[in-house]
Amino acid sequence: MKLSELYLRQLVRDSLFKRLVTEADTEEEDFEREMPEILPPEIYEPSEPVQDEPDEPDEPDEPEPEEDSSEADKVVVNLSTAAGMEVATALISANPDRVKYGRRLDRVDRLYPVKDPENPVTQAEFIEMIKRAFKPEVGHIWTISKRSEMFGLQNKSGKFPITVFIPHPDQIASANPGEAIPTMLTQGRNEGDEYEEAAYTEFSKASKGSKVSPLVKSVIDGISKDRVKRGLDPIDIVKWNVRSTGTESTKLPFTDEVRDVGETISDITLERGDDKVYISLKNKKGSTIANRGYSGKFSFSDDDSVVFNVDGGAKRSQPALKKIDEFLKALGVNTGIAAKGFQDYAKYSTLDDEQKLDLGSVDYKFNTQPELLKLFKDKLQVDEEKVNNFLRASVGMGYYYVREVSPGKAKVIPLLTREELDDFVGKIDVNSLEILYPEANNDRQSKGIELKVKTKGKKDRPYKAFKVRVRNTDGEILPNKMQVDVVKEEFMRKWVKRFLKR
């Protein structure tokens, strides 16, 4: 097949996809009323980056302080991590409408910006706040860039810098003269965390006799209805202790072994003696069921080619990485095609605008995926049962899955037994499997592996679609994360059918 023919096919494919997405956007408002649980159409757009729930969003580039890490390497500085709270308190007191306290992690106190879409807090503004409050001398303020180290302090964040400064002695009480203090401005709590926190507050107030909110009533009614079916007492919220468990560690191993995970992943736990009810909350946008590190599996060789490393990644991460490899292999992912796609993306990103307009002027082959996919299509092997078990294990059992459908209203899905879990996840339809590999050309640039597969449960359960993304969340090329999301499938079917009728 000629390259020009491949290029035309790519144009046709992308044109069709874009039209489908346009149709989805047009119908979004009406459909949201009909199916309130469904995510917006961008969940299906493979070329658009999607935020993971646990990750911190990228910030625009901001001016750095006077000194960079190369200069700071020559400076000997003693850190005073104990003064972080005094710094945070002073900055909040002076800027109450701009920053608030977040948390302390890895010896660094983090501040969250007060949300203001019209005028968001920037890193540059944060540095100016420090200068006004603590008057550091010129050259006494540094930045520890993401995933780097300075003064014996490692910045483990992949998104935000740590600001280190030496305050003027007259401006601080809890640090010795000449000691530097680290602090950080992060993105704050995500919408899912805020939803869980607000829901816990409503549950807690209700358990103490306050008026029951619409959300609490919706959830309690749903759980009580299910408990009565099981021969158990309905929930009288004032007789139960309400405990917030959403802030505790909820990271589960990525595995294909289904287990009871209720106590581990519960956001709100209701307790009355030995009777415990575990509730996992999701707001309307919440969809992630697995989010795992995947660094080191792909790497650049000396000749700039990309290779897949069977034993890549940190030694301590090997068991987890091997499980992800097992999952991707069961889905039919070909690591050779993926490596070629990452390599193409890396090379395309080095081209200037003129070269991109005339790709024939450079020694660069692009858009080879149709040929590769044709070669490997007959060899595609999908282990259906293994994929089903990975998806089931990612959802887990032993709790009530509670999902917001509208303000003050939630849908309660019991996942207490293996039968209920299997029905919720369904079984994959191999014929529905779609795999998009990384690629780069003038029509589509994608630096991730993306898969979508439909499942179907019993007759009384709707179709679902599971989406798997292998990508880099730090703005680089080679992947460092693997994420699995679950969404309902009626949305996809409905707007595709509308398009086909035209």
Protein backbone atom coordinates (compact mmCIF):
# COMPACT_ATOMS: atom_id res chain seq x y z
CA MET A 1 0.00 0.00 0.00
CA LYS A 2 1.37 3.43 -0.93
CA LEU A 3 2.05 6.01 1.72
CA SER A 4 -0.28 8.53 0.08
CA GLU A 5 -3.10 6.01 0.16
CA LEU A 6 -2.47 5.40 3.85
CA TYR A 7 -2.55 9.12 4.42
CA LEU A 8 -5.93 9.44 2.67
CA ARG A 9 -7.34 6.59 4.73
CA GLN A 10 -6.15 8.32 7.86
CA LEU A 11 -7.92 11.52 6.79
CA VAL A 12 -11.16 9.63 6.17
CA ARG A 13 -10.95 7.86 9.49
CA ASP A 14 -10.26 11.06 11.45
CA SER A 15 -12.94 12.96 9.55
CA LEU A 16 -15.51 10.33 10.47
CA PHE A 17 -14.41 10.35 14.09
CA LYS A 18 -14.55 14.13 14.30
CA ARG A 19 -18.06 14.14 12.86
CA LEU A 20 -19.14 11.54 15.40
CA VAL A 21 -17.74 13.66 18.22
CA THR A 22 -19.47 16.74 16.80
CA GLU A 23 -22.76 14.87 16.81
CA ALA A 24 -22.15 13.85 20.41
CA ASP A 25 -21.49 17.46 21.41
CA THR A 26 -24.69 18.61 19.71
CA GLU A 27 -26.79 16.08 21.59
CA GLU A 28 -24.99 16.37 24.92
CA GLU A 29 -27.50 18.63 26.69
CA ASP A 30 -30.56 16.51 25.83
CA PHE A 31 -28.76 13.30 26.60
CA GLU A 32 -27.54 14.52 29.98
CA ARG A 33 -31.16 14.82 31.05
CA GLU A 34 -31.94 11.33 29.82
CA MET A 35 -28.86 9.59 31.20
CA PRO A 36 -27.54 11.68 34.11
CA GLU A 37 -24.85 9.18 35.15
CA ILE A 38 -22.93 9.29 31.88
CA LEU A 39 -19.64 11.07 31.48
CA PRO A 40 -19.35 13.84 28.89
CA PRO A 41 -18.33 12.84 25.34
CA GLU A 42 -14.69 13.76 25.78
CA ILE A 43 -14.16 10.47 27.61
CA TYR A 44 -14.30 8.86 24.17
CA GLU A 45 -11.91 11.22 22.40
CA PRO A 46 -8.61 9.33 22.15
CA SER A 47 -6.47 12.32 21.25
CA GLU A 48 -7.62 14.51 24.12
CA PRO A 49 -5.73 14.25 27.42
CA VAL A 50 -7.89 13.22 30.33
CA GLN A 51 -6.99 13.95 33.92
CA ASP A 52 -6.60 11.09 36.35
CA GLU A 53 -8.26 11.61 39.72
CA PRO A 54 -5.12 11.21 41.83
CA ASP A 55 -2.80 13.24 39.62
CA GLU A 56 -2.13 16.94 40.00
CA PRO A 57 -3.01 18.97 36.87
CA ASP A 58 -0.33 20.74 34.89
CA GLU A 59 0.26 24.40 35.56
CA PRO A 60 1.27 26.97 32.96
CA ASP A 61 4.94 27.81 32.93
CA GLU A 62 5.78 30.55 35.39
CA PRO A 63 8.92 32.61 36.02
CA GLU A 64 11.30 30.89 38.42
CA PRO A 65 12.96 32.56 41.40
CA GLU A 66 16.37 34.19 41.08
CA GLU A 67 18.42 31.02 41.62
CA ASP A 68 18.13 27.70 39.82
CA SER A 69 19.27 24.29 40.99
CA SER A 70 22.61 24.48 39.15
CA GLU A 71 23.62 27.55 41.18
CA ALA A 72 22.12 26.16 44.37
CA ASP A 73 24.29 23.07 44.13
CA LYS A 74 27.21 25.30 45.10
CA VAL A 75 25.42 26.62 48.22
CA VAL A 76 25.33 24.89 51.59
CA VAL A 77 21.98 25.48 53.25
CA ASN A 78 20.45 24.08 56.42
CA LEU A 79 16.75 23.34 56.13
CA SER A 80 14.23 24.09 58.85
CA THR A 81 11.18 21.97 58.03
CA ALA A 82 9.77 22.71 61.49
CA ALA A 83 9.05 26.33 60.49
CA GLY A 84 6.76 25.32 57.63
CA MET A 85 3.57 25.79 59.62
CA GLU A 86 4.56 29.33 60.66
CA VAL A 87 5.23 30.15 57.00
CA ALA A 88 1.88 28.69 55.92
CA THR A 89 0.01 30.56 58.66
CA ALA A 90 1.63 33.88 57.74
CA LEU A 91 0.95 33.46 54.02
CA ILE A 92 -2.69 32.53 54.65
CA SER A 93 -3.15 35.43 57.08
CA ALA A 94 -1.77 37.91 54.54
CA ASN A 95 -3.61 36.37 51.56
CA PRO A 96 -6.82 34.76 52.91
CA ASP A 97 -8.65 35.10 49.60
CA ARG A 98 -5.81 33.48 47.62
CA VAL A 99 -4.38 30.53 49.57
CA LYS A 100 -5.45 28.06 52.27
CA TYR A 101 -3.73 25.30 54.16
CA GLY A 102 -3.45 21.92 52.48
CA ARG A 103 -1.39 19.26 54.23
CA ARG A 104 2.12 18.30 55.29
CA LEU A 105 3.81 15.61 53.23
CA ASP A 106 7.48 14.57 52.95
CA ARG A 107 8.53 17.32 55.43
CA VAL A 108 6.96 20.06 53.28
CA ASP A 109 3.84 22.06 54.14
CA ARG A 110 1.60 22.44 51.10
CA LEU A 111 -0.77 25.31 50.44
CA TYR A 112 -3.83 25.07 48.21
CA PRO A 113 -5.02 27.96 46.05
CA VAL A 114 -8.44 29.43 46.74
CA LYS A 115 -10.35 28.61 43.56
CA ASP A 116 -10.86 31.59 41.29
CA PRO A 117 -11.37 30.61 37.63
CA GLU A 118 -11.09 34.22 36.50
CA ASN A 119 -7.82 34.85 38.33
CA PRO A 120 -6.10 31.59 39.35
CA VAL A 121 -3.15 31.69 41.74
CA THR A 122 0.14 31.19 39.87
CA GLN A 123 3.58 30.09 41.01
CA ALA A 124 4.92 33.57 40.29
CA GLU A 125 2.27 35.13 42.53
CA PHE A 126 3.07 32.59 45.25
CA ILE A 127 6.73 33.63 45.17
CA GLU A 128 5.73 37.30 45.45
CA MET A 129 3.65 36.43 48.53
CA ILE A 130 6.77 34.88 50.11
CA LYS A 131 8.88 37.91 49.26
CA ARG A 132 6.36 40.33 50.78
CA ALA A 133 5.89 38.30 53.95
CA PHE A 134 9.45 37.17 54.68
CA LYS A 135 11.69 39.58 52.75
CA PRO A 136 14.41 37.10 51.67
CA GLU A 137 17.57 38.68 50.32
CA VAL A 138 18.35 38.49 46.61
CA GLY A 139 19.72 35.04 45.87
CA HIS A 140 18.12 33.48 48.93
CA ILE A 141 15.18 31.84 47.18
CA TRP A 142 15.38 28.65 45.09
CA THR A 143 13.19 26.19 43.24
CA ILE A 144 13.42 22.42 43.54
CA SER A 145 11.97 21.34 40.21
CA LYS A 146 9.63 18.38 39.85
CA ARG A 147 11.22 15.00 40.61
CA SER A 148 14.58 16.52 41.51
CA GLU A 149 16.63 17.06 44.67
CA MET A 150 18.37 20.00 46.35
CA PHE A 151 19.75 20.60 49.84
CA GLY A 152 19.07 16.94 50.65
CA LEU A 153 15.33 17.41 50.04
CA GLN A 154 13.71 15.41 47.25
CA ASN A 155 10.72 16.77 45.36
CA LYS A 156 8.62 13.69 44.56
CA SER A 157 5.91 15.68 42.78
CA GLY A 158 5.70 15.27 39.04
CA LYS A 159 3.79 18.55 38.64
CA PHE A 160 4.78 21.25 41.11
CA PRO A 161 8.05 22.76 42.37
CA ILE A 162 9.11 23.21 45.98
CA THR A 163 10.07 26.77 46.84
CA VAL A 164 12.95 27.08 49.32
CA PHE A 165 13.87 30.44 50.85
CA ILE A 166 15.85 32.00 53.69
CA PRO A 167 13.61 34.52 55.47
CA HIS A 168 14.87 37.73 56.97
CA PRO A 169 15.60 36.99 60.67
CA ASP A 170 13.13 39.65 61.79
CA GLN A 171 10.28 38.01 59.88
CA ILE A 172 10.19 34.55 61.49
CA ALA A 173 10.40 33.13 65.00
CA SER A 174 10.56 29.35 64.58
CA ALA A 175 13.71 29.13 62.43
CA ASN A 176 17.31 29.92 63.31
CA PRO A 177 19.00 32.76 61.38
CA GLY A 178 20.20 31.52 57.99
CA GLU A 179 17.99 28.43 57.91
CA ALA A 180 15.97 27.86 54.74
CA ILE A 181 12.32 26.83 54.72
CA PRO A 182 10.64 24.70 52.02
CA THR A 183 7.02 25.20 51.01
CA MET A 184 4.85 24.25 48.05
CA LEU A 185 1.81 25.52 46.17
CA THR A 186 -0.21 22.60 44.77
CA GLN A 187 -3.55 22.31 43.05
CA GLY A 188 -5.69 21.57 46.08
CA ARG A 189 -8.28 18.86 46.51
CA ASN A 190 -9.92 17.47 43.40
CA GLU A 191 -13.67 17.49 42.83
CA GLY A 192 -14.01 13.87 43.92
CA ASP A 193 -12.36 14.58 47.29
CA GLU A 194 -14.52 17.65 47.83
CA TYR A 195 -17.67 15.67 47.03
CA GLU A 196 -16.71 12.94 49.51
CA GLU A 197 -15.87 15.47 52.22
CA ALA A 198 -19.17 17.31 51.76
CA ALA A 199 -21.10 14.02 51.78
CA TYR A 200 -19.40 12.92 55.02
CA THR A 201 -20.33 16.23 56.66
CA GLU A 202 -23.98 15.70 55.69
CA PHE A 203 -23.96 12.10 56.97
CA SER A 204 -22.27 13.13 60.23
CA LYS A 205 -24.81 15.89 60.92
CA ALA A 206 -27.70 13.55 60.15
CA SER A 207 -26.38 10.92 62.56
CA LYS A 208 -26.37 13.56 65.31
CA GLY A 209 -30.02 14.44 64.81
CA SER A 210 -29.79 17.31 62.33
CA LYS A 211 -32.08 17.50 59.31
CA VAL A 212 -31.39 14.75 56.79
CA SER A 213 -30.13 16.20 53.51
CA PRO A 214 -31.51 15.00 50.13
CA LEU A 215 -28.22 13.21 49.39
CA VAL A 216 -28.17 11.33 52.71
CA LYS A 217 -31.85 10.38 52.28
CA SER A 218 -31.19 9.13 48.74
CA VAL A 219 -28.27 6.96 49.85
CA ILE A 220 -29.88 5.65 53.05
CA ASP A 221 -33.12 4.80 51.21
CA GLY A 222 -31.18 2.86 48.58
CA ILE A 223 -29.12 0.93 51.12
CA SER A 224 -32.13 0.25 53.37
CA LYS A 225 -34.14 -1.12 50.46
CA ASP A 226 -31.32 -3.54 49.68
CA ARG A 227 -30.84 -4.56 53.32
CA VAL A 228 -34.53 -5.38 53.71
CA LYS A 229 -34.25 -7.72 50.71
CA ARG A 230 -31.44 -9.50 52.55
CA GLY A 231 -33.46 -9.83 55.74
CA LEU A 232 -31.56 -7.06 57.55
CA ASP A 233 -32.83 -3.98 59.38
CA PRO A 234 -33.10 -0.73 57.41
CA ILE A 235 -30.74 2.11 58.30
CA ASP A 236 -31.90 4.55 61.00
CA ILE A 237 -29.04 7.02 60.64
CA VAL A 238 -29.27 8.42 64.20
CA LYS A 239 -28.54 4.94 65.58
CA TRP A 240 -25.38 4.49 63.54
CA ASN A 241 -21.87 5.84 63.96
CA VAL A 242 -20.55 7.59 60.85
CA ARG A 243 -16.85 7.38 60.14
CA SER A 244 -14.95 9.08 57.30
CA THR A 245 -12.45 6.65 55.79
CA GLY A 246 -11.85 8.36 52.45
CA THR A 247 -8.59 9.94 53.63
CA GLU A 248 -7.06 6.59 54.54
CA SER A 249 -4.95 4.59 52.11
CA THR A 250 -7.17 3.02 49.46
CA LYS A 251 -4.55 1.84 46.99
CA LEU A 252 -5.20 -1.75 46.02
CA PRO A 253 -2.76 -4.06 44.24
CA PHE A 254 -3.53 -4.42 40.54
CA THR A 255 -4.48 -8.04 40.19
CA ASP A 256 -6.88 -10.49 38.57
CA GLU A 257 -7.76 -12.06 41.92
CA VAL A 258 -11.20 -10.89 43.02
CA ARG A 259 -11.45 -10.10 46.72
CA ASP A 260 -13.51 -8.31 49.34
CA VAL A 261 -12.21 -4.71 49.38
CA GLY A 262 -15.04 -2.90 51.16
CA GLU A 263 -13.12 -1.92 54.28
CA THR A 264 -10.15 -0.77 52.21
CA ILE A 265 -11.86 1.46 49.66
CA SER A 266 -14.76 2.75 51.76
CA ASP A 267 -15.16 6.54 51.78
CA ILE A 268 -17.88 6.55 54.46
CA THR A 269 -18.38 3.68 56.90
CA LEU A 270 -21.58 3.24 58.92
CA GLU A 271 -21.12 1.26 62.13
CA ARG A 272 -23.51 -0.17 64.71
CA GLY A 273 -21.86 -2.80 66.87
CA ASP A 274 -20.50 -5.51 64.59
CA ASP A 275 -22.69 -4.37 61.72
CA LYS A 276 -20.70 -2.32 59.22
CA VAL A 277 -21.80 -0.75 55.93
CA TYR A 278 -19.04 0.30 53.53
CA ILE A 279 -19.85 3.05 51.03
CA SER A 280 -17.68 4.06 48.05
CA LEU A 281 -18.74 7.46 46.69
CA LYS A 282 -18.33 8.79 43.16
CA ASN A 283 -19.43 12.16 41.89
CA LYS A 284 -20.83 12.46 38.36
CA LYS A 285 -17.38 12.73 36.81
CA GLY A 286 -15.81 9.95 38.85
CA SER A 287 -14.95 6.96 36.67
CA THR A 288 -11.48 5.66 37.54
CA ILE A 289 -11.28 2.15 38.99
CA ALA A 290 -7.50 1.64 38.64
CA ASN A 291 -4.57 4.05 38.36
CA ARG A 292 -1.10 2.52 38.58
CA GLY A 293 2.49 3.49 37.89
CA TYR A 294 4.02 2.10 34.69
CA SER A 295 7.45 3.73 34.45
CA GLY A 296 10.45 2.06 32.82
CA LYS A 297 8.63 -0.37 30.55
CA PHE A 298 9.44 1.64 27.41
CA SER A 299 12.78 3.40 26.92
CA PHE A 300 14.89 5.11 24.26
CA SER A 301 17.91 3.25 22.87
CA ASP A 302 21.19 4.90 21.89
CA ASP A 303 19.92 5.24 18.30
CA ASP A 304 16.74 7.02 19.52
CA SER A 305 14.55 4.01 18.79
CA VAL A 306 12.03 3.00 21.46
CA VAL A 307 12.11 -0.50 22.91
CA PHE A 308 9.85 -2.40 25.29
CA ASN A 309 11.64 -3.72 28.37
CA VAL A 310 10.26 -7.00 29.65
CA ASP A 311 12.02 -6.51 32.99
CA GLY A 312 11.93 -2.69 32.95
CA GLY A 313 11.07 -0.52 35.92
CA ALA A 314 12.24 -0.41 39.52
CA LYS A 315 12.92 -3.78 41.17
CA ARG A 316 10.43 -3.17 43.96
CA SER A 317 7.76 -2.43 41.32
CA GLN A 318 8.35 -5.55 39.26
CA PRO A 319 5.41 -7.62 40.60
CA ALA A 320 2.95 -4.77 39.94
CA LEU A 321 4.40 -3.99 36.51
CA LYS A 322 4.26 -7.65 35.50
CA LYS A 323 0.55 -7.71 36.36
CA ILE A 324 -0.10 -4.67 34.16
CA ASP A 325 1.85 -6.35 31.33
CA GLU A 326 -0.31 -9.43 31.83
CA PHE A 327 -3.49 -7.33 31.61
CA LEU A 328 -2.39 -5.49 28.45
CA LYS A 329 -1.30 -8.75 26.82
CA ALA A 330 -4.69 -10.31 27.65
CA LEU A 331 -6.30 -7.35 25.85
CA GLY A 332 -4.18 -8.01 22.75
CA VAL A 333 -1.84 -5.02 23.03
CA ASN A 334 1.22 -5.40 20.81
CA THR A 335 4.21 -3.74 22.49
CA GLY A 336 6.12 -3.65 19.20
CA ILE A 337 3.49 -1.45 17.55
CA ALA A 338 3.33 0.70 20.68
CA ALA A 339 7.12 1.19 20.72
CA LYS A 340 7.06 2.22 17.06
CA GLY A 341 4.28 4.71 17.83
CA PHE A 342 6.20 6.30 20.71
CA GLN A 343 9.24 6.52 18.46
CA ASP A 344 7.22 8.20 15.69
CA TYR A 345 5.79 10.70 18.17
CA ALA A 346 9.24 11.57 19.50
CA LYS A 347 10.61 12.17 16.00
CA TYR A 348 7.58 14.13 14.82
CA SER A 349 7.92 16.46 17.82
CA THR A 350 11.38 17.51 16.58
CA LEU A 351 10.13 18.68 13.16
CA ASP A 352 9.68 22.36 12.46
CA ASP A 353 6.52 23.76 10.88
CA GLU A 354 7.95 23.64 7.36
CA GLN A 355 8.95 20.03 7.68
CA LYS A 356 5.54 19.12 9.03
CA LEU A 357 3.92 20.72 5.97
CA ASP A 358 6.16 18.68 3.69
CA LEU A 359 6.89 15.44 5.44
CA GLY A 360 8.43 14.04 2.26
CA SER A 361 11.34 16.46 2.67
CA VAL A 362 12.70 14.62 5.70
CA ASP A 363 13.76 11.07 6.30
CA TYR A 364 10.69 10.20 8.31
CA LYS A 365 8.02 7.60 7.73
CA PHE A 366 4.69 8.33 9.29
CA ASN A 367 1.23 6.83 9.55
CA THR A 368 2.42 3.24 9.28
CA GLN A 369 -0.08 1.91 11.80
CA PRO A 370 -2.68 0.69 9.27
CA GLU A 371 -0.06 -1.60 7.76
CA LEU A 372 1.13 -2.79 11.15
CA LEU A 373 -2.37 -3.42 12.39
CA LYS A 374 -3.19 -5.37 9.25
CA LEU A 375 -0.14 -7.56 9.78
CA PHE A 376 -0.99 -8.33 13.39
CA LYS A 377 -4.78 -8.46 13.21
CA ASP A 378 -4.91 -12.18 12.48
CA LYS A 379 -2.56 -12.82 15.40
CA LEU A 380 -4.59 -10.82 17.91
CA GLN A 381 -5.16 -13.00 20.94
CA VAL A 382 -7.52 -11.83 23.66
CA ASP A 383 -7.87 -13.77 26.90
CA GLU A 384 -11.48 -12.90 27.68
CA GLU A 385 -11.71 -14.49 31.11
CA LYS A 386 -8.43 -12.96 32.30
CA VAL A 387 -9.57 -9.49 31.17
CA ASN A 388 -12.93 -10.02 32.90
CA ASN A 389 -11.18 -10.96 36.13
CA PHE A 390 -8.82 -7.95 36.01
CA LEU A 391 -11.84 -5.67 35.57
CA ARG A 392 -13.77 -7.42 38.35
CA ALA A 393 -10.80 -7.24 40.71
CA SER A 394 -10.36 -3.52 39.96
CA VAL A 395 -13.96 -2.86 41.00
CA GLY A 396 -13.88 -5.31 43.91
CA MET A 397 -16.73 -6.42 46.16
CA GLY A 398 -17.98 -6.05 49.73
CA TYR A 399 -19.43 -2.52 49.58
CA TYR A 400 -22.13 -0.24 48.19
CA TYR A 401 -21.12 1.64 45.06
CA VAL A 402 -22.82 5.03 45.30
CA ARG A 403 -22.74 7.35 42.30
CA GLU A 404 -24.10 10.89 42.07
CA VAL A 405 -26.74 11.27 39.36
CA SER A 406 -27.78 14.86 40.13
CA PRO A 407 -27.36 17.31 43.02
CA GLY A 408 -28.73 15.66 46.14
CA LYS A 409 -29.50 12.38 44.41
CA ALA A 410 -27.42 9.22 44.07
CA LYS A 411 -27.79 5.73 42.68
CA VAL A 412 -26.92 2.89 45.08
CA ILE A 413 -25.52 -0.31 43.57
CA PRO A 414 -24.86 -3.20 45.97
CA LEU A 415 -21.62 -5.01 45.23
CA LEU A 416 -21.65 -7.23 48.29
CA THR A 417 -21.43 -10.61 46.56
CA ARG A 418 -19.47 -12.12 43.71
CA GLU A 419 -22.66 -12.57 41.72
CA GLU A 420 -23.48 -8.85 42.02
CA LEU A 421 -19.93 -7.91 41.03
CA ASP A 422 -19.97 -10.19 37.97
CA ASP A 423 -23.31 -8.75 36.92
CA PHE A 424 -22.06 -5.18 37.37
CA VAL A 425 -18.91 -5.66 35.31
CA GLY A 426 -20.39 -8.05 32.75
CA LYS A 427 -18.33 -9.95 30.20
CA ILE A 428 -16.27 -8.31 27.51
CA ASP A 429 -17.36 -8.38 23.88
CA VAL A 430 -14.16 -9.11 21.95
CA ASN A 431 -15.65 -7.79 18.72
CA SER A 432 -16.06 -4.38 20.33
CA LEU A 433 -12.39 -4.06 21.30
CA GLU A 434 -10.69 -0.97 19.88
CA ILE A 435 -6.96 -0.29 20.27
CA LEU A 436 -5.36 3.05 19.44
CA TYR A 437 -1.58 3.12 19.53
CA PRO A 438 0.63 6.21 19.82
CA GLU A 439 1.29 7.93 16.52
CA ALA A 440 2.17 11.32 15.09
CA ASN A 441 1.32 12.91 11.76
CA ASN A 442 -0.29 16.10 10.51
CA ASP A 443 -3.78 14.84 11.42
CA ARG A 444 -3.36 13.06 14.71
CA GLN A 445 -0.78 13.21 17.48
CA SER A 446 -1.18 10.81 20.38
CA LYS A 447 1.49 9.61 22.78
CA GLY A 448 -0.53 6.98 24.58
CA ILE A 449 -2.00 3.52 24.16
CA GLU A 450 -5.77 3.67 24.44
CA LEU A 451 -8.25 0.82 24.44
CA LYS A 452 -12.01 0.65 24.73
CA VAL A 453 -13.97 -2.56 25.18
CA LYS A 454 -17.69 -3.02 25.74
CA THR A 455 -19.24 -5.40 28.25
CA LYS A 456 -22.75 -6.66 28.77
CA GLY A 457 -24.41 -7.92 31.93
CA LYS A 458 -27.75 -9.63 32.41
CA LYS A 459 -30.84 -8.38 30.64
CA ASP A 460 -31.64 -5.97 33.44
CA ARG A 461 -28.18 -4.41 33.30
CA PRO A 462 -27.10 -1.90 30.65
CA TYR A 463 -24.03 -2.13 28.49
CA LYS A 464 -20.82 -0.64 29.84
CA ALA A 465 -17.56 0.44 28.25
CA PHE A 466 -14.20 0.15 29.96
CA LYS A 467 -11.43 2.43 28.81
CA VAL A 468 -7.74 1.72 29.39
CA ARG A 469 -5.07 4.41 28.95
CA VAL A 470 -1.30 3.94 29.09
CA ARG A 471 0.31 7.38 28.98
CA ASN A 472 2.66 9.89 30.57
CA THR A 473 1.04 12.27 33.06
CA ASP A 474 4.14 14.46 33.49
CA GLY A 475 4.20 15.94 29.99
CA GLU A 476 6.87 13.54 28.72
CA ILE A 477 6.54 10.95 25.93
CA LEU A 478 7.11 7.46 27.33
CA PRO A 479 4.33 6.21 29.61
CA ASN A 480 4.44 6.26 33.40
CA LYS A 481 0.78 5.48 34.21
CA MET A 482 -1.87 2.90 33.40
CA GLN A 483 -5.46 3.91 34.11
CA VAL A 484 -8.78 2.07 33.79
CA ASP A 485 -12.12 3.92 33.68
CA VAL A 486 -15.66 2.58 33.53
CA VAL A 487 -18.46 4.41 31.71
CA LYS A 488 -21.92 3.50 30.51
CA GLU A 489 -22.27 2.43 26.92
CA GLU A 490 -25.78 3.63 26.02
CA PHE A 491 -24.32 7.05 25.30
CA MET A 492 -21.90 5.70 22.70
CA ARG A 493 -24.58 3.62 21.01
CA LYS A 494 -27.11 6.44 20.93
CA TRP A 495 -25.08 9.10 19.19
CA VAL A 496 -23.52 6.63 16.75
CA LYS A 497 -27.00 5.50 15.75
CA ARG A 498 -28.06 9.10 15.27
CA PHE A 499 -25.13 9.64 12.94
CA LEU A 500 -25.82 6.50 10.90
CA LYS A 501 -29.46 7.55 10.33
CA ARG A 502 -28.38 10.74 8.58
